[in-house]
Amino acid sequence: MANIVVTISADDEQHEALIGRLSSFARVAFLRELSPAERAEELGKADVIISWSLGHELKPEEFARMGRLRFVQLLSAGANQVPFSRIPASVTVASNAGAYAEQMAEHVVAMILAARKNLIDRHDKLKQGIFDQSSKNRMLQDSNCVILGFGGIGRITSRLLRCFGVRIYGINRTGKTSEPVDFIGTLKDLEHALRLADIVVVSLPLTKSTRGLIGSRELGWMKDDVVLVNVARGDIIDEGALYERLKTHPNFIAAIDAWWVEPLTHGEFRTSYPFMELPNVIGSPHNSAIVNGSSLKATMLAIENVKRFLNNEPIRGIVDRKDYE
């Protein structure tokens, strides 16, 4: 019988799902419920870890105790928070790719609509008693949307946007997709796509190759009135370059859900530049994935992946550690 250690702070529903779905063929231990001695013992026996952010949930010295570890299943869709240097190369790591795609795609569309329809500006004017009925909004129809990261979030976003008559330009690793698009390419096609874009959606994983991907040069390829949406990771976009672009191009709009310094990873929220003082910024607190039932759904998908691993079946979301090391 396999030994599974859960390092997340599971709520009641997650706890019940993990026990109910896994205990018939594995021992399940919740790290937060253990004494220091029990914690050390369970980590030493662990075949599988179910985690959100191992680097924050385990102490540095605890990694060396996991001599039996074979599989790490993340609840998060991203893997940039995994300390791969502390995990043997023989251990398989799987992300929870696609677990939050539907709600994040809706959030993307909401941000695009808020930007194109100037909802925040019109609301603020009404609060000041200004009834600005003559200012024009912008349609989504006949726009070009470039989606950087054409995975689960990107594909569902494209389906929603096509209902508005938006043309879709997808960028992924392979330059191939079965999804109906007007263009599909790789990062080699980045300049071509960005120069055509009216809307840019960033839904890429944060890896060695995507960190700082969008800098002043790439922002300069975009039109002056682009709507740029980031629901991925803040560090994909150069913070200073984005602020400068927004400050010097008032019709350029950034809708930011993923920030550079956030409480979960840094213990606080802060920006190096006063983004929220700019009228062409729409912000949300990295909550695009948070809806009713999202944690339970993500947990259930993670459980199914663990079962596939233990049954020697194909695993969803295997992470290539070369992208991060």
Protein backbone atom coordinates (compact mmCIF):
# COMPACT_ATOMS: atom_id res chain seq x y z
CA MET A 1 0.00 0.00 0.00
CA ALA A 2 1.38 3.40 -1.04
CA ASN A 3 2.01 6.18 1.45
CA ILE A 4 0.62 9.58 0.48
CA VAL A 5 1.48 12.77 2.37
CA VAL A 6 -0.72 15.83 1.90
CA THR A 7 1.13 19.08 2.61
CA ILE A 8 -1.68 21.55 1.83
CA SER A 9 -4.03 23.03 4.43
CA ALA A 10 -7.03 20.99 3.35
CA ASP A 11 -10.49 22.27 4.17
CA ASP A 12 -13.23 19.85 5.28
CA GLU A 13 -14.38 19.06 1.73
CA GLN A 14 -10.84 18.46 0.49
CA HIS A 15 -10.02 16.36 3.54
CA GLU A 16 -13.09 14.19 3.01
CA ALA A 17 -12.38 13.80 -0.72
CA LEU A 18 -8.74 12.84 -0.18
CA ILE A 19 -9.59 10.25 2.48
CA GLY A 20 -12.65 8.92 0.65
CA ARG A 21 -10.96 8.55 -2.75
CA LEU A 22 -7.49 7.39 -1.72
CA SER A 23 -7.67 5.46 1.56
CA SER A 24 -8.90 2.23 -0.04
CA PHE A 25 -5.51 1.68 -1.69
CA ALA A 26 -3.14 4.09 0.10
CA ARG A 27 -2.30 5.47 3.53
CA VAL A 28 -3.03 9.19 3.64
CA ALA A 29 -1.34 11.49 6.14
CA PHE A 30 -2.00 15.22 6.49
CA LEU A 31 1.24 16.98 7.41
CA ARG A 32 -0.48 19.84 9.25
CA GLU A 33 -2.03 17.34 11.70
CA LEU A 34 1.26 15.71 12.73
CA SER A 35 3.73 16.29 15.55
CA PRO A 36 7.35 17.00 14.52
CA ALA A 37 8.32 13.35 15.14
CA GLU A 38 5.31 12.04 13.21
CA ARG A 39 5.99 14.52 10.44
CA ALA A 40 9.54 13.24 10.00
CA GLU A 41 8.36 9.63 10.03
CA GLU A 42 5.63 10.16 7.41
CA LEU A 43 7.90 12.12 5.08
CA GLY A 44 10.42 9.30 5.31
CA LYS A 45 7.77 6.82 4.17
CA ALA A 46 6.13 9.01 1.53
CA ASP A 47 5.76 7.58 -1.97
CA VAL A 48 3.53 10.45 -3.11
CA ILE A 49 3.25 14.09 -2.06
CA ILE A 50 0.15 16.18 -2.78
CA SER A 51 1.20 19.80 -2.53
CA TRP A 52 0.48 23.35 -3.52
CA SER A 53 3.90 24.89 -2.95
CA LEU A 54 6.51 22.47 -1.60
CA GLY A 55 9.04 25.21 -1.00
CA HIS A 56 6.70 26.90 1.47
CA GLU A 57 5.09 23.79 2.95
CA LEU A 58 8.28 21.88 3.77
CA LYS A 59 11.37 22.96 5.66
CA PRO A 60 14.64 22.78 3.68
CA GLU A 61 16.00 19.93 5.79
CA GLU A 62 12.85 17.85 5.26
CA PHE A 63 13.51 17.24 1.58
CA ALA A 64 16.46 14.97 2.40
CA ARG A 65 14.17 12.71 4.45
CA MET A 66 11.97 11.77 1.50
CA GLY A 67 14.07 8.84 0.28
CA ARG A 68 11.10 6.86 -1.02
CA LEU A 69 9.42 9.70 -2.88
CA ARG A 70 8.33 8.83 -6.42
CA PHE A 71 5.63 11.34 -7.37
CA VAL A 72 4.66 14.92 -6.55
CA GLN A 73 1.15 16.03 -7.52
CA LEU A 74 0.56 19.78 -7.42
CA LEU A 75 -2.82 21.34 -6.79
CA SER A 76 -1.62 24.46 -8.58
CA ALA A 77 -1.60 24.75 -12.37
CA GLY A 78 1.85 26.32 -12.31
CA ALA A 79 5.07 24.66 -11.19
CA ASN A 80 7.39 27.66 -10.86
CA GLN A 81 7.18 27.44 -7.04
CA VAL A 82 8.64 23.91 -6.92
CA PRO A 83 12.24 23.71 -5.59
CA PHE A 84 13.41 21.19 -8.19
CA SER A 85 17.01 21.30 -6.97
CA ARG A 86 15.87 19.61 -3.74
CA ILE A 87 13.90 16.85 -5.48
CA PRO A 88 15.72 13.90 -7.07
CA ALA A 89 15.53 13.70 -10.86
CA SER A 90 13.85 10.29 -10.54
CA VAL A 91 10.76 11.89 -8.96
CA THR A 92 7.91 12.69 -11.36
CA VAL A 93 6.24 16.06 -10.81
CA ALA A 94 2.79 16.78 -12.26
CA SER A 95 0.99 20.09 -12.32
CA ASN A 96 -2.78 20.45 -12.09
CA ALA A 97 -2.96 21.84 -15.60
CA GLY A 98 -6.45 22.82 -16.68
CA ALA A 99 -7.96 22.59 -13.21
CA TYR A 100 -8.93 26.26 -13.19
CA ALA A 101 -9.30 26.92 -16.91
CA GLU A 102 -13.03 27.65 -17.14
CA GLN A 103 -13.23 30.28 -14.43
CA MET A 104 -9.97 31.91 -15.46
CA ALA A 105 -11.15 32.17 -19.06
CA GLU A 106 -14.33 33.90 -17.86
CA HIS A 107 -12.21 36.30 -15.81
CA VAL A 108 -10.12 37.10 -18.89
CA VAL A 109 -13.22 37.95 -20.90
CA ALA A 110 -14.63 40.05 -18.04
CA MET A 111 -11.40 42.07 -17.93
CA ILE A 112 -11.37 42.55 -21.69
CA LEU A 113 -14.97 43.75 -21.68
CA ALA A 114 -14.37 46.07 -18.73
CA ALA A 115 -11.43 47.57 -20.61
CA ARG A 116 -13.09 47.86 -24.00
CA LYS A 117 -16.30 49.27 -22.51
CA ASN A 118 -14.47 51.67 -20.15
CA LEU A 119 -16.64 50.44 -17.28
CA ILE A 120 -14.37 51.55 -14.45
CA ASP A 121 -13.87 55.05 -15.87
CA ARG A 122 -17.61 55.52 -16.49
CA HIS A 123 -18.43 54.23 -13.00
CA ASP A 124 -15.94 56.62 -11.40
CA LYS A 125 -17.38 59.54 -13.36
CA LEU A 126 -20.90 58.69 -12.24
CA LYS A 127 -19.70 58.68 -8.63
CA GLN A 128 -18.50 62.24 -9.27
CA GLY A 129 -21.87 63.20 -10.75
CA ILE A 130 -20.57 63.22 -14.34
CA PHE A 131 -23.01 61.65 -16.82
CA ASP A 132 -20.64 60.98 -19.72
CA GLN A 133 -23.05 59.56 -22.27
CA SER A 134 -21.19 60.75 -25.37
CA SER A 135 -17.86 58.91 -24.92
CA LYS A 136 -17.63 55.92 -27.21
CA ASN A 137 -16.98 52.34 -26.21
CA ARG A 138 -15.16 49.79 -28.35
CA MET A 139 -16.54 46.59 -29.82
CA LEU A 140 -14.77 43.26 -29.56
CA GLN A 141 -16.04 42.25 -32.98
CA ASP A 142 -13.33 42.11 -35.68
CA SER A 143 -10.54 42.38 -33.11
CA ASN A 144 -7.39 40.27 -33.18
CA CYS A 145 -6.64 38.51 -29.90
CA VAL A 146 -3.21 36.99 -29.34
CA ILE A 147 -3.24 34.31 -26.65
CA LEU A 148 0.22 33.54 -25.30
CA GLY A 149 -0.06 30.05 -23.85
CA PHE A 150 -2.68 28.15 -25.79
CA GLY A 151 -3.37 25.50 -23.17
CA GLY A 152 -6.54 24.96 -21.17
CA ILE A 153 -7.10 28.63 -20.27
CA GLY A 154 -6.16 29.81 -23.74
CA ARG A 155 -8.40 27.38 -25.58
CA ILE A 156 -11.47 28.15 -23.47
CA THR A 157 -10.78 31.88 -23.71
CA SER A 158 -10.66 31.54 -27.49
CA ARG A 159 -14.04 29.76 -27.54
CA LEU A 160 -15.64 32.54 -25.52
CA LEU A 161 -14.08 35.32 -27.59
CA ARG A 162 -15.05 33.76 -30.91
CA CYS A 163 -18.68 34.30 -29.86
CA PHE A 164 -17.94 38.04 -30.08
CA GLY A 165 -16.45 37.73 -33.56
CA VAL A 166 -12.85 37.95 -32.37
CA ARG A 167 -10.03 36.48 -34.48
CA ILE A 168 -7.73 34.20 -32.49
CA TYR A 169 -3.95 34.07 -32.78
CA GLY A 170 -2.58 31.32 -30.59
CA ILE A 171 1.01 30.86 -29.43
CA ASN A 172 2.13 27.58 -27.88
CA ARG A 173 5.14 25.24 -27.77
CA THR A 174 4.32 23.19 -30.84
CA GLY A 175 2.66 25.63 -33.21
CA LYS A 176 -0.18 23.12 -33.55
CA THR A 177 -3.72 22.90 -32.18
CA SER A 178 -7.01 21.17 -32.94
CA GLU A 179 -8.87 24.30 -31.79
CA PRO A 180 -10.30 26.54 -34.56
CA VAL A 181 -7.96 29.54 -34.80
CA ASP A 182 -6.97 32.15 -37.36
CA PHE A 183 -3.28 31.59 -36.62
CA ILE A 184 -1.22 29.22 -34.50
CA GLY A 185 2.50 29.58 -33.94
CA THR A 186 5.32 29.39 -31.42
CA LEU A 187 7.32 32.04 -29.57
CA LYS A 188 9.33 32.42 -32.79
CA ASP A 189 6.20 34.09 -34.18
CA LEU A 190 5.82 36.46 -31.23
CA GLU A 191 6.65 39.68 -33.08
CA HIS A 192 4.36 38.83 -36.00
CA ALA A 193 1.46 38.12 -33.66
CA LEU A 194 1.95 41.05 -31.29
CA ARG A 195 2.10 43.57 -34.12
CA LEU A 196 -1.36 42.42 -35.25
CA ALA A 197 -2.90 42.26 -31.77
CA ASP A 198 -5.75 44.38 -30.47
CA ILE A 199 -5.93 42.19 -27.36
CA VAL A 200 -3.11 40.18 -25.77
CA VAL A 201 -3.82 37.49 -23.18
CA VAL A 202 -0.93 36.05 -21.16
CA SER A 203 -1.68 32.54 -19.88
CA LEU A 204 1.80 31.01 -20.14
CA PRO A 205 3.54 29.07 -17.38
CA LEU A 206 6.45 30.91 -15.78
CA THR A 207 9.59 29.05 -16.90
CA LYS A 208 13.18 29.91 -17.73
CA SER A 209 12.15 30.82 -21.27
CA THR A 210 9.09 32.91 -20.36
CA ARG A 211 10.48 34.91 -17.42
CA GLY A 212 10.72 38.50 -18.65
CA LEU A 213 9.30 37.47 -22.03
CA ILE A 214 7.36 40.73 -22.42
CA GLY A 215 9.70 43.68 -22.06
CA SER A 216 9.97 47.13 -23.58
CA ARG A 217 10.77 45.73 -27.03
CA GLU A 218 7.75 43.41 -27.06
CA LEU A 219 5.47 46.11 -25.65
CA GLY A 220 6.73 48.38 -28.42
CA TRP A 221 5.57 45.87 -31.02
CA MET A 222 2.00 46.27 -29.76
CA LYS A 223 -0.47 48.89 -30.96
CA ASP A 224 -0.94 51.99 -28.82
CA ASP A 225 -4.46 50.94 -27.79
CA VAL A 226 -3.94 47.25 -27.00
CA VAL A 227 -5.66 45.60 -24.05
CA LEU A 228 -3.08 43.42 -22.28
CA VAL A 229 -4.45 40.83 -19.82
CA ASN A 230 -2.17 38.82 -17.52
CA VAL A 231 -3.68 35.89 -15.60
CA ALA A 232 -0.45 33.86 -15.54
CA ARG A 233 2.51 35.10 -13.48
CA GLY A 234 3.71 38.65 -12.95
CA ASP A 235 7.33 37.89 -13.80
CA ILE A 236 6.48 37.05 -17.41
CA ILE A 237 6.12 40.80 -17.97
CA ASP A 238 8.84 43.31 -17.10
CA GLU A 239 7.22 45.44 -14.39
CA GLY A 240 9.09 48.68 -15.09
CA ALA A 241 8.64 48.40 -18.85
CA LEU A 242 4.89 47.85 -18.48
CA TYR A 243 4.51 50.83 -16.16
CA GLU A 244 6.41 53.06 -18.59
CA ARG A 245 4.28 51.86 -21.49
CA LEU A 246 1.07 52.57 -19.59
CA LYS A 247 2.23 55.98 -18.43
CA THR A 248 3.32 57.13 -21.90
CA HIS A 249 0.46 55.51 -23.84
CA PRO A 250 -2.84 56.42 -22.15
CA ASN A 251 -4.92 54.33 -24.58
CA PHE A 252 -2.93 51.20 -23.77
CA ILE A 253 -4.78 49.25 -21.06
CA ALA A 254 -3.38 46.58 -18.74
CA ALA A 255 -5.71 44.23 -16.89
CA ILE A 256 -3.58 42.56 -14.23
CA ASP A 257 -4.62 39.56 -12.17
CA ALA A 258 -1.12 38.13 -11.60
CA TRP A 259 1.29 40.49 -9.82
CA TRP A 260 5.01 40.49 -9.19
CA VAL A 261 4.95 40.42 -5.39
CA GLU A 262 1.99 38.59 -3.87
CA PRO A 263 1.14 37.40 -0.35
CA LEU A 264 1.15 33.67 -1.14
CA THR A 265 4.73 33.66 -2.41
CA HIS A 266 6.25 36.77 -0.80
CA GLY A 267 4.16 37.32 2.34
CA GLU A 268 2.89 40.70 1.10
CA PHE A 269 1.43 42.56 -1.85
CA ARG A 270 3.36 45.46 -3.27
CA THR A 271 4.38 46.95 -6.59
CA SER A 272 7.57 48.79 -7.47
CA TYR A 273 5.53 51.34 -9.43
CA PRO A 274 2.19 53.03 -8.63
CA PHE A 275 0.10 51.07 -11.12
CA MET A 276 -3.17 51.67 -9.34
CA GLU A 277 -2.79 55.42 -9.73
CA LEU A 278 -3.00 55.04 -13.50
CA PRO A 279 -6.43 55.32 -15.14
CA ASN A 280 -5.55 52.68 -17.76
CA VAL A 281 -5.02 49.84 -15.28
CA ILE A 282 -7.62 47.31 -14.15
CA GLY A 283 -6.55 45.11 -11.27
CA SER A 284 -7.77 42.02 -9.48
CA PRO A 285 -6.04 40.20 -6.57
CA HIS A 286 -4.99 37.04 -8.46
CA ASN A 287 -8.42 35.57 -7.82
CA SER A 288 -9.35 34.61 -11.37
CA ALA A 289 -9.29 30.93 -10.35
CA ILE A 290 -11.26 31.37 -7.13
CA VAL A 291 -14.94 30.45 -7.48
CA ASN A 292 -17.29 28.30 -5.44
CA GLY A 293 -16.09 24.72 -5.54
CA SER A 294 -12.77 25.48 -7.24
CA SER A 295 -10.61 23.97 -4.49
CA LEU A 296 -12.64 20.76 -4.39
CA LYS A 297 -12.61 20.40 -8.18
CA ALA A 298 -8.84 20.91 -8.28
CA THR A 299 -8.41 18.36 -5.49
CA MET A 300 -10.52 15.78 -7.32
CA LEU A 301 -8.46 16.20 -10.49
CA ALA A 302 -5.26 15.84 -8.46
CA ILE A 303 -6.61 12.68 -6.82
CA GLU A 304 -7.40 11.12 -10.20
CA ASN A 305 -3.87 11.87 -11.38
CA VAL A 306 -2.38 10.25 -8.28
CA LYS A 307 -4.52 7.16 -8.92
CA ARG A 308 -3.29 7.06 -12.52
CA PHE A 309 0.31 7.23 -11.33
CA LEU A 310 -0.17 4.42 -8.82
CA ASN A 311 -1.91 2.31 -11.47
CA ASN A 312 0.86 2.97 -14.04
CA GLU A 313 -1.57 4.80 -16.30
CA PRO A 314 -0.84 7.93 -18.38
CA ILE A 315 -0.42 11.03 -16.17
CA ARG A 316 -1.81 14.47 -16.92
CA GLY A 317 0.42 17.55 -16.67
CA ILE A 318 3.90 16.05 -16.29
CA VAL A 319 6.37 18.87 -15.69
CA ASP A 320 9.64 19.04 -17.59
CA ARG A 321 12.06 20.14 -14.88
CA LYS A 322 14.48 21.47 -17.52
CA ASP A 323 12.04 24.36 -17.94
CA TYR A 324 12.66 25.41 -14.35
CA GLU A 325 16.10 24.24 -13.20
